[in-house]
Amino acid sequence: MSAADDGRSLGQLVAAATAEMSALVHDEIALAKAEIRQDVKRGAIGGGAGIAAGVLLLFSLPVLSFAAAYGIHNLGLGLAWSFLIVGGAFIVLALILVLAAVVKFKKIKPPEKSIASAKQTAAVLSNVKPHPRAARADSDGQVLVKPNGSTVRAADEHVTRSSV
C-alpha cells in the first residue's frame, strides 16, 4: 500500500516510523529493566547473606566466644583448647554463610531476552540501507522530484507542490 492509497504524506510516514522506532527502543529498555530487576533481587539476597555473615562475625564473635570457651572449659578441657574450638566453630559457620551467598550470586544471569532483542533489532537495522537523496532544496526550499526521478525547481516548472 502506497502513501497515496493510505492518505498519509511522506512526512506523516516518516513521523510514524520514527514514533514506532522510539516505541521499540522504549519497549526494549522496559524489558531490560524487568530482567535486571529480577537479578537485582537475587543479588540483594546474596548480598544480605554476605552481610549477615560479616555482622555475625563482627558482633557475636567476642561475646559468644568467651561464653562458649568458658563453658567448654567447665567441662574439663583446657582454656586455650576451649577458645580454639569456639573460634573454629564460628569460622565454619561463616564459611557456610559465604557459600550460601556465592550460590545466590551464581544464579544472576545477564538479561538474555533484552540482549537477543537488541541483536535482532541491530540485524534488521543493518540490512536497511538509506536511500540516497535525489535532490537538495535550494535556499528557498523549492525543489520537486518528478515521478521519473528527475528534479526541477518549482519556479521553473510553474507548478505547485500539491499538483505533483
N, C-alpha and C. Protein backbone atom coordinates (compact mmCIF):
# COMPACT_ATOMS: atom_id res chain seq x y z
N MET A 1 0.85 -1.17 0.00
CA MET A 1 0.00 0.00 0.00
C MET A 1 0.89 1.23 0.00
N SER A 2 0.67 2.14 -0.94
CA SER A 2 1.49 3.34 -1.04
C SER A 2 0.96 4.42 -0.11
N ALA A 3 1.75 5.48 0.00
CA ALA A 3 1.35 6.59 0.86
C ALA A 3 0.10 7.26 0.34
N ALA A 4 -0.04 7.30 -1.00
CA ALA A 4 -1.22 7.94 -1.58
C ALA A 4 -2.48 7.13 -1.29
N ASP A 5 -2.37 5.80 -1.33
CA ASP A 5 -3.52 4.94 -1.04
C ASP A 5 -3.95 5.08 0.42
N ASP A 6 -2.99 5.25 1.28
CA ASP A 6 -3.27 5.35 2.71
C ASP A 6 -3.73 6.75 3.10
N GLY A 7 -3.46 7.71 2.25
CA GLY A 7 -3.86 9.07 2.55
C GLY A 7 -2.88 9.80 3.44
N ARG A 8 -1.70 9.22 3.67
CA ARG A 8 -0.71 9.86 4.52
C ARG A 8 0.43 10.37 3.65
N SER A 9 0.94 11.51 4.04
CA SER A 9 2.06 12.09 3.29
C SER A 9 3.35 11.41 3.70
N LEU A 10 4.40 11.71 2.96
CA LEU A 10 5.71 11.16 3.27
C LEU A 10 6.16 11.60 4.66
N GLY A 11 5.89 12.84 4.99
CA GLY A 11 6.24 13.34 6.32
C GLY A 11 5.53 12.59 7.43
N GLN A 12 4.25 12.27 7.19
CA GLN A 12 3.49 11.52 8.20
C GLN A 12 4.04 10.11 8.33
N LEU A 13 4.43 9.50 7.20
CA LEU A 13 5.00 8.16 7.25
C LEU A 13 6.33 8.15 8.00
N VAL A 14 7.16 9.16 7.74
CA VAL A 14 8.44 9.26 8.46
C VAL A 14 8.19 9.48 9.94
N ALA A 15 7.23 10.32 10.28
CA ALA A 15 6.91 10.56 11.68
C ALA A 15 6.40 9.29 12.35
N ALA A 16 5.57 8.53 11.64
CA ALA A 16 5.06 7.28 12.20
C ALA A 16 6.19 6.28 12.40
N ALA A 17 7.10 6.19 11.41
CA ALA A 17 8.24 5.27 11.54
C ALA A 17 9.13 5.68 12.71
N THR A 18 9.34 6.96 12.87
CA THR A 18 10.15 7.46 13.99
C THR A 18 9.48 7.13 15.32
N ALA A 19 8.18 7.32 15.39
CA ALA A 19 7.45 7.03 16.62
C ALA A 19 7.50 5.54 16.94
N GLU A 20 7.37 4.70 15.91
CA GLU A 20 7.43 3.25 16.14
C GLU A 20 8.83 2.83 16.58
N MET A 21 9.87 3.44 16.00
CA MET A 21 11.23 3.12 16.39
C MET A 21 11.47 3.55 17.83
N SER A 22 10.96 4.70 18.20
CA SER A 22 11.08 5.18 19.57
C SER A 22 10.36 4.24 20.53
N ALA A 23 9.18 3.80 20.14
CA ALA A 23 8.43 2.86 20.99
C ALA A 23 9.18 1.55 21.14
N LEU A 24 9.81 1.08 20.05
CA LEU A 24 10.59 -0.16 20.11
C LEU A 24 11.75 -0.01 21.08
N VAL A 25 12.45 1.10 21.03
CA VAL A 25 13.57 1.32 21.94
C VAL A 25 13.07 1.38 23.38
N HIS A 26 11.95 2.07 23.61
CA HIS A 26 11.39 2.15 24.97
C HIS A 26 10.97 0.77 25.46
N ASP A 27 10.39 -0.05 24.59
CA ASP A 27 9.99 -1.40 24.98
C ASP A 27 11.21 -2.26 25.33
N GLU A 28 12.29 -2.12 24.56
CA GLU A 28 13.50 -2.88 24.87
C GLU A 28 14.09 -2.44 26.20
N ILE A 29 14.05 -1.16 26.48
CA ILE A 29 14.55 -0.66 27.76
C ILE A 29 13.69 -1.20 28.91
N ALA A 30 12.38 -1.23 28.72
CA ALA A 30 11.49 -1.76 29.75
C ALA A 30 11.76 -3.25 29.99
N LEU A 31 12.01 -4.00 28.92
CA LEU A 31 12.33 -5.42 29.06
C LEU A 31 13.63 -5.60 29.83
N ALA A 32 14.63 -4.81 29.50
CA ALA A 32 15.91 -4.91 30.21
C ALA A 32 15.74 -4.58 31.68
N LYS A 33 14.94 -3.55 31.99
CA LYS A 33 14.70 -3.18 33.39
C LYS A 33 14.02 -4.32 34.14
N ALA A 34 13.06 -4.97 33.50
CA ALA A 34 12.35 -6.07 34.17
C ALA A 34 13.29 -7.23 34.47
N GLU A 35 14.15 -7.57 33.49
CA GLU A 35 15.08 -8.67 33.71
C GLU A 35 16.12 -8.31 34.77
N ILE A 36 16.61 -7.09 34.72
CA ILE A 36 17.62 -6.67 35.69
C ILE A 36 17.03 -6.59 37.08
N ARG A 37 15.77 -6.19 37.19
CA ARG A 37 15.11 -6.11 38.49
C ARG A 37 15.11 -7.48 39.18
N GLN A 38 14.87 -8.56 38.42
CA GLN A 38 14.89 -9.90 38.99
C GLN A 38 16.29 -10.24 39.49
N ASP A 39 17.31 -9.91 38.69
CA ASP A 39 18.68 -10.22 39.09
C ASP A 39 19.13 -9.37 40.27
N VAL A 40 18.65 -8.15 40.35
CA VAL A 40 19.00 -7.30 41.49
C VAL A 40 18.42 -7.89 42.77
N LYS A 41 17.22 -8.45 42.67
CA LYS A 41 16.61 -9.07 43.85
C LYS A 41 17.46 -10.26 44.32
N ARG A 42 17.89 -11.09 43.36
CA ARG A 42 18.75 -12.23 43.72
C ARG A 42 20.06 -11.73 44.31
N GLY A 43 20.61 -10.69 43.71
CA GLY A 43 21.86 -10.14 44.22
C GLY A 43 21.70 -9.56 45.62
N ALA A 44 20.55 -8.95 45.86
CA ALA A 44 20.30 -8.39 47.19
C ALA A 44 20.21 -9.49 48.24
N ILE A 45 19.59 -10.60 47.88
CA ILE A 45 19.51 -11.73 48.82
C ILE A 45 20.91 -12.28 49.10
N GLY A 46 21.70 -12.44 48.04
CA GLY A 46 23.07 -12.92 48.22
C GLY A 46 23.91 -11.93 49.02
N GLY A 47 23.75 -10.65 48.72
CA GLY A 47 24.47 -9.63 49.48
C GLY A 47 24.05 -9.60 50.93
N GLY A 48 22.76 -9.80 51.16
CA GLY A 48 22.26 -9.84 52.53
C GLY A 48 22.86 -11.00 53.31
N ALA A 49 23.00 -12.15 52.65
CA ALA A 49 23.63 -13.30 53.32
C ALA A 49 25.09 -13.01 53.64
N GLY A 50 25.79 -12.35 52.71
CA GLY A 50 27.18 -11.99 52.95
C GLY A 50 27.33 -10.98 54.08
N ILE A 51 26.44 -10.01 54.10
CA ILE A 51 26.46 -9.01 55.17
C ILE A 51 26.12 -9.66 56.51
N ALA A 52 25.16 -10.58 56.49
CA ALA A 52 24.81 -11.29 57.73
C ALA A 52 26.01 -12.06 58.26
N ALA A 53 26.79 -12.66 57.36
CA ALA A 53 27.99 -13.38 57.79
C ALA A 53 28.98 -12.42 58.44
N GLY A 54 29.15 -11.26 57.84
CA GLY A 54 30.07 -10.27 58.41
C GLY A 54 29.61 -9.74 59.75
N VAL A 55 28.33 -9.44 59.84
CA VAL A 55 27.78 -8.93 61.10
C VAL A 55 27.88 -10.00 62.19
N LEU A 56 27.59 -11.23 61.81
CA LEU A 56 27.69 -12.33 62.78
C LEU A 56 29.11 -12.44 63.33
N LEU A 57 30.08 -12.39 62.44
CA LEU A 57 31.46 -12.47 62.90
C LEU A 57 31.86 -11.25 63.73
N LEU A 58 31.40 -10.11 63.32
CA LEU A 58 31.83 -8.87 63.97
C LEU A 58 31.28 -8.72 65.39
N PHE A 59 30.00 -8.91 65.55
CA PHE A 59 29.38 -8.62 66.85
C PHE A 59 29.27 -9.82 67.79
N SER A 60 29.03 -10.98 67.24
CA SER A 60 28.81 -12.11 68.14
C SER A 60 30.07 -12.87 68.50
N LEU A 61 31.08 -12.70 67.70
CA LEU A 61 32.30 -13.47 67.95
C LEU A 61 32.91 -13.20 69.33
N PRO A 62 33.12 -11.98 69.73
CA PRO A 62 33.74 -11.79 71.05
C PRO A 62 32.88 -12.29 72.22
N VAL A 63 31.61 -11.93 72.20
CA VAL A 63 30.76 -12.27 73.34
C VAL A 63 30.54 -13.78 73.43
N LEU A 64 30.10 -14.36 72.31
CA LEU A 64 29.80 -15.79 72.33
C LEU A 64 31.06 -16.65 72.43
N SER A 65 32.16 -16.14 71.92
CA SER A 65 33.41 -16.89 72.06
C SER A 65 33.79 -17.07 73.52
N PHE A 66 33.71 -15.99 74.27
CA PHE A 66 34.03 -16.11 75.69
C PHE A 66 33.06 -17.03 76.41
N ALA A 67 31.78 -16.88 76.12
CA ALA A 67 30.79 -17.72 76.80
C ALA A 67 30.99 -19.19 76.47
N ALA A 68 31.17 -19.49 75.18
CA ALA A 68 31.34 -20.89 74.78
C ALA A 68 32.67 -21.45 75.29
N ALA A 69 33.71 -20.66 75.20
CA ALA A 69 35.02 -21.15 75.65
C ALA A 69 35.01 -21.46 77.15
N TYR A 70 34.40 -20.59 77.93
CA TYR A 70 34.34 -20.87 79.36
C TYR A 70 33.40 -22.04 79.65
N GLY A 71 32.38 -22.22 78.84
CA GLY A 71 31.50 -23.38 79.01
C GLY A 71 32.24 -24.68 78.72
N ILE A 72 33.03 -24.70 77.65
CA ILE A 72 33.82 -25.90 77.33
C ILE A 72 34.89 -26.11 78.41
N HIS A 73 35.47 -25.03 78.90
CA HIS A 73 36.48 -25.14 79.95
C HIS A 73 35.88 -25.78 81.22
N ASN A 74 34.61 -25.47 81.50
CA ASN A 74 33.95 -26.06 82.66
C ASN A 74 33.74 -27.55 82.49
N LEU A 75 33.77 -28.06 81.24
CA LEU A 75 33.64 -29.49 81.00
C LEU A 75 34.95 -30.23 81.26
N GLY A 76 36.03 -29.51 81.51
CA GLY A 76 37.28 -30.16 81.86
C GLY A 76 38.39 -29.98 80.85
N LEU A 77 38.13 -29.31 79.72
CA LEU A 77 39.16 -29.08 78.71
C LEU A 77 39.93 -27.82 79.07
N GLY A 78 41.17 -27.73 78.63
CA GLY A 78 41.98 -26.55 78.92
C GLY A 78 41.36 -25.30 78.30
N LEU A 79 41.65 -24.14 78.89
CA LEU A 79 41.07 -22.88 78.44
C LEU A 79 41.51 -22.54 77.01
N ALA A 80 42.75 -22.77 76.68
CA ALA A 80 43.25 -22.47 75.33
C ALA A 80 42.54 -23.33 74.29
N TRP A 81 42.41 -24.63 74.56
CA TRP A 81 41.71 -25.52 73.63
C TRP A 81 40.24 -25.12 73.51
N SER A 82 39.65 -24.67 74.56
CA SER A 82 38.26 -24.23 74.53
C SER A 82 38.08 -23.05 73.58
N PHE A 83 39.00 -22.07 73.66
CA PHE A 83 38.92 -20.92 72.76
C PHE A 83 39.16 -21.32 71.30
N LEU A 84 40.06 -22.24 71.06
CA LEU A 84 40.32 -22.70 69.68
C LEU A 84 39.10 -23.40 69.09
N ILE A 85 38.44 -24.21 69.86
CA ILE A 85 37.24 -24.91 69.38
C ILE A 85 36.15 -23.91 69.03
N VAL A 86 35.93 -22.94 69.88
CA VAL A 86 34.89 -21.93 69.64
C VAL A 86 35.23 -21.10 68.40
N GLY A 87 36.46 -20.67 68.27
CA GLY A 87 36.87 -19.90 67.09
C GLY A 87 36.67 -20.69 65.81
N GLY A 88 37.02 -21.97 65.84
CA GLY A 88 36.83 -22.83 64.66
C GLY A 88 35.36 -23.00 64.31
N ALA A 89 34.51 -23.08 65.31
CA ALA A 89 33.08 -23.22 65.05
C ALA A 89 32.52 -21.98 64.36
N PHE A 90 32.97 -20.80 64.80
CA PHE A 90 32.49 -19.57 64.15
C PHE A 90 33.01 -19.46 62.71
N ILE A 91 34.21 -19.90 62.48
CA ILE A 91 34.74 -19.87 61.12
C ILE A 91 33.94 -20.80 60.21
N VAL A 92 33.61 -21.98 60.70
CA VAL A 92 32.79 -22.92 59.91
C VAL A 92 31.43 -22.31 59.61
N LEU A 93 30.81 -21.67 60.59
CA LEU A 93 29.51 -21.03 60.38
C LEU A 93 29.61 -19.91 59.35
N ALA A 94 30.67 -19.11 59.43
CA ALA A 94 30.85 -18.03 58.45
C ALA A 94 31.05 -18.60 57.05
N LEU A 95 31.80 -19.68 56.92
CA LEU A 95 32.01 -20.30 55.61
C LEU A 95 30.70 -20.81 55.01
N ILE A 96 29.84 -21.35 55.84
CA ILE A 96 28.54 -21.82 55.36
C ILE A 96 27.73 -20.64 54.81
N LEU A 97 27.73 -19.52 55.51
CA LEU A 97 27.00 -18.34 55.03
C LEU A 97 27.62 -17.77 53.75
N VAL A 98 28.94 -17.78 53.66
CA VAL A 98 29.60 -17.31 52.43
C VAL A 98 29.23 -18.22 51.26
N LEU A 99 29.20 -19.51 51.47
CA LEU A 99 28.80 -20.43 50.39
C LEU A 99 27.35 -20.19 49.96
N ALA A 100 26.49 -19.89 50.91
CA ALA A 100 25.10 -19.56 50.56
C ALA A 100 25.05 -18.29 49.72
N ALA A 101 25.89 -17.30 50.05
CA ALA A 101 25.94 -16.07 49.27
C ALA A 101 26.46 -16.34 47.86
N VAL A 102 27.48 -17.17 47.73
CA VAL A 102 28.04 -17.50 46.42
C VAL A 102 27.00 -18.20 45.56
N VAL A 103 26.23 -19.10 46.14
CA VAL A 103 25.19 -19.80 45.39
C VAL A 103 24.16 -18.80 44.85
N LYS A 104 23.76 -17.85 45.66
CA LYS A 104 22.80 -16.83 45.21
C LYS A 104 23.40 -15.96 44.11
N PHE A 105 24.67 -15.57 44.25
CA PHE A 105 25.30 -14.72 43.23
C PHE A 105 25.46 -15.46 41.91
N LYS A 106 25.69 -16.75 41.94
CA LYS A 106 25.86 -17.51 40.69
C LYS A 106 24.55 -17.64 39.92
N LYS A 107 23.42 -17.44 40.56
CA LYS A 107 22.13 -17.52 39.87
C LYS A 107 21.83 -16.26 39.07
N ILE A 108 22.64 -15.23 39.24
CA ILE A 108 22.44 -13.99 38.49
C ILE A 108 22.92 -14.20 37.06
N LYS A 109 22.03 -13.92 36.11
CA LYS A 109 22.34 -14.11 34.69
C LYS A 109 22.17 -12.78 33.97
N PRO A 110 22.81 -12.64 32.83
CA PRO A 110 22.60 -11.41 32.05
C PRO A 110 21.18 -11.37 31.50
N PRO A 111 20.69 -10.18 31.17
CA PRO A 111 19.32 -10.06 30.62
C PRO A 111 19.26 -10.64 29.20
N GLU A 112 19.09 -11.95 29.09
CA GLU A 112 19.19 -12.66 27.81
C GLU A 112 18.13 -12.21 26.81
N LYS A 113 16.91 -11.99 27.25
CA LYS A 113 15.85 -11.59 26.33
C LYS A 113 16.15 -10.22 25.74
N SER A 114 16.63 -9.30 26.56
CA SER A 114 16.95 -7.96 26.08
C SER A 114 18.12 -8.00 25.10
N ILE A 115 19.12 -8.80 25.40
CA ILE A 115 20.28 -8.91 24.51
C ILE A 115 19.85 -9.49 23.17
N ALA A 116 19.04 -10.55 23.20
CA ALA A 116 18.57 -11.15 21.95
C ALA A 116 17.72 -10.17 21.15
N SER A 117 16.86 -9.44 21.82
CA SER A 117 16.01 -8.47 21.14
C SER A 117 16.85 -7.35 20.53
N ALA A 118 17.85 -6.88 21.26
CA ALA A 118 18.71 -5.81 20.74
C ALA A 118 19.51 -6.30 19.55
N LYS A 119 20.00 -7.55 19.60
CA LYS A 119 20.74 -8.11 18.47
C LYS A 119 19.84 -8.25 17.25
N GLN A 120 18.60 -8.67 17.48
CA GLN A 120 17.66 -8.81 16.38
C GLN A 120 17.36 -7.45 15.76
N THR A 121 17.15 -6.45 16.59
CA THR A 121 16.89 -5.10 16.08
C THR A 121 18.10 -4.58 15.31
N ALA A 122 19.29 -4.81 15.84
CA ALA A 122 20.51 -4.37 15.15
C ALA A 122 20.66 -5.07 13.81
N ALA A 123 20.31 -6.36 13.75
CA ALA A 123 20.39 -7.10 12.49
C ALA A 123 19.42 -6.54 11.46
N VAL A 124 18.22 -6.22 11.91
CA VAL A 124 17.23 -5.64 10.99
C VAL A 124 17.69 -4.28 10.50
N LEU A 125 18.19 -3.46 11.42
CA LEU A 125 18.62 -2.12 11.04
C LEU A 125 19.87 -2.15 10.17
N SER A 126 20.72 -3.16 10.33
CA SER A 126 21.92 -3.22 9.50
C SER A 126 21.58 -3.58 8.06
N ASN A 127 20.44 -4.24 7.84
CA ASN A 127 20.01 -4.58 6.48
C ASN A 127 19.30 -3.43 5.78
N VAL A 128 18.88 -2.44 6.53
CA VAL A 128 18.18 -1.30 5.95
C VAL A 128 19.22 -0.31 5.47
N LYS A 129 19.17 -0.01 4.18
CA LYS A 129 20.12 0.95 3.61
C LYS A 129 19.38 2.24 3.34
N PRO A 130 19.94 3.36 3.74
CA PRO A 130 19.26 4.62 3.47
C PRO A 130 19.26 4.91 1.97
N HIS A 131 18.17 5.46 1.51
CA HIS A 131 18.06 5.81 0.10
C HIS A 131 18.77 7.12 -0.13
N PRO A 132 19.58 7.20 -1.19
CA PRO A 132 20.26 8.46 -1.46
C PRO A 132 19.26 9.53 -1.85
N ARG A 133 19.53 10.72 -1.45
CA ARG A 133 18.65 11.84 -1.78
C ARG A 133 18.83 12.18 -3.24
N ALA A 134 17.71 12.32 -3.97
CA ALA A 134 17.77 12.65 -5.38
C ALA A 134 18.12 14.11 -5.58
N ALA A 135 17.67 14.97 -4.69
CA ALA A 135 17.92 16.40 -4.86
C ALA A 135 17.92 17.07 -3.51
N ARG A 136 18.57 18.21 -3.49
CA ARG A 136 18.56 19.01 -2.28
C ARG A 136 17.80 20.29 -2.55
N ALA A 137 17.20 20.78 -1.55
CA ALA A 137 16.42 22.02 -1.71
C ALA A 137 17.37 23.20 -1.86
N ASP A 138 16.95 24.16 -2.70
CA ASP A 138 17.75 25.37 -2.82
C ASP A 138 17.48 26.28 -1.63
N SER A 139 17.98 27.48 -1.66
CA SER A 139 17.92 28.36 -0.49
C SER A 139 16.49 28.62 -0.02
N ASP A 140 15.53 28.65 -0.96
CA ASP A 140 14.15 28.87 -0.51
C ASP A 140 13.38 27.55 -0.37
N GLY A 141 14.05 26.42 -0.54
CA GLY A 141 13.43 25.12 -0.29
C GLY A 141 12.52 24.63 -1.39
N GLN A 142 12.60 25.17 -2.59
CA GLN A 142 11.68 24.82 -3.67
C GLN A 142 12.32 23.83 -4.64
N VAL A 143 12.24 22.55 -4.36
CA VAL A 143 12.73 21.52 -5.26
C VAL A 143 11.64 20.48 -5.42
N LEU A 144 11.42 20.03 -6.64
CA LEU A 144 10.43 19.00 -6.91
C LEU A 144 11.12 17.76 -7.43
N VAL A 145 10.61 16.61 -7.08
CA VAL A 145 11.09 15.36 -7.64
C VAL A 145 9.95 14.79 -8.46
N LYS A 146 10.19 14.63 -9.76
CA LYS A 146 9.15 14.12 -10.65
C LYS A 146 9.04 12.61 -10.47
N PRO A 147 7.91 12.01 -10.90
CA PRO A 147 7.75 10.57 -10.78
C PRO A 147 8.85 9.77 -11.47
N ASN A 148 9.47 10.30 -12.52
CA ASN A 148 10.55 9.58 -13.20
C ASN A 148 11.87 9.71 -12.47
N GLY A 149 11.92 10.49 -11.38
CA GLY A 149 13.12 10.62 -10.58
C GLY A 149 13.91 11.88 -10.85
N SER A 150 13.60 12.60 -11.92
CA SER A 150 14.34 13.83 -12.20
C SER A 150 13.89 14.93 -11.25
N THR A 151 14.74 15.92 -11.10
CA THR A 151 14.43 17.01 -10.18
C THR A 151 14.43 18.33 -10.93
N VAL A 152 13.55 19.20 -10.53
CA VAL A 152 13.48 20.55 -11.09
C VAL A 152 13.10 21.51 -9.99
N ARG A 153 13.39 22.77 -10.20
CA ARG A 153 12.94 23.79 -9.27
C ARG A 153 11.47 24.06 -9.53
N ALA A 154 10.72 24.29 -8.50
CA ALA A 154 9.29 24.53 -8.65
C ALA A 154 9.02 25.77 -9.48
N ALA A 155 9.86 26.80 -9.36
CA ALA A 155 9.65 28.04 -10.11
C ALA A 155 9.83 27.81 -11.61
N ASP A 156 10.74 26.88 -12.00
CA ASP A 156 10.98 26.61 -13.41
C ASP A 156 9.82 25.84 -14.04
N GLU A 157 9.15 25.03 -13.30
CA GLU A 157 8.08 24.19 -13.82
C GLU A 157 6.72 24.87 -13.75
N HIS A 158 6.62 25.94 -13.01
CA HIS A 158 5.36 26.67 -12.82
C HIS A 158 4.26 25.74 -12.29
N VAL A 159 4.63 24.90 -11.37
CA VAL A 159 3.66 24.02 -10.72
C VAL A 159 3.81 24.19 -9.22
N THR A 160 2.78 23.81 -8.54
CA THR A 160 2.85 23.86 -7.08
C THR A 160 3.13 22.47 -6.57
N ARG A 161 3.46 22.39 -5.30
CA ARG A 161 3.76 21.09 -4.69
C ARG A 161 2.54 20.19 -4.67
N SER A 162 1.37 20.75 -4.55
CA SER A 162 0.17 19.91 -4.43
C SER A 162 -0.20 19.26 -5.76
N SER A 163 0.30 19.78 -6.88
CA SER A 163 -0.07 19.18 -8.16
C SER A 163 0.86 18.07 -8.58
N VAL A 164 1.90 17.82 -7.86
CA VAL A 164 2.84 16.76 -8.23
C VAL A 164 2.37 15.45 -7.70
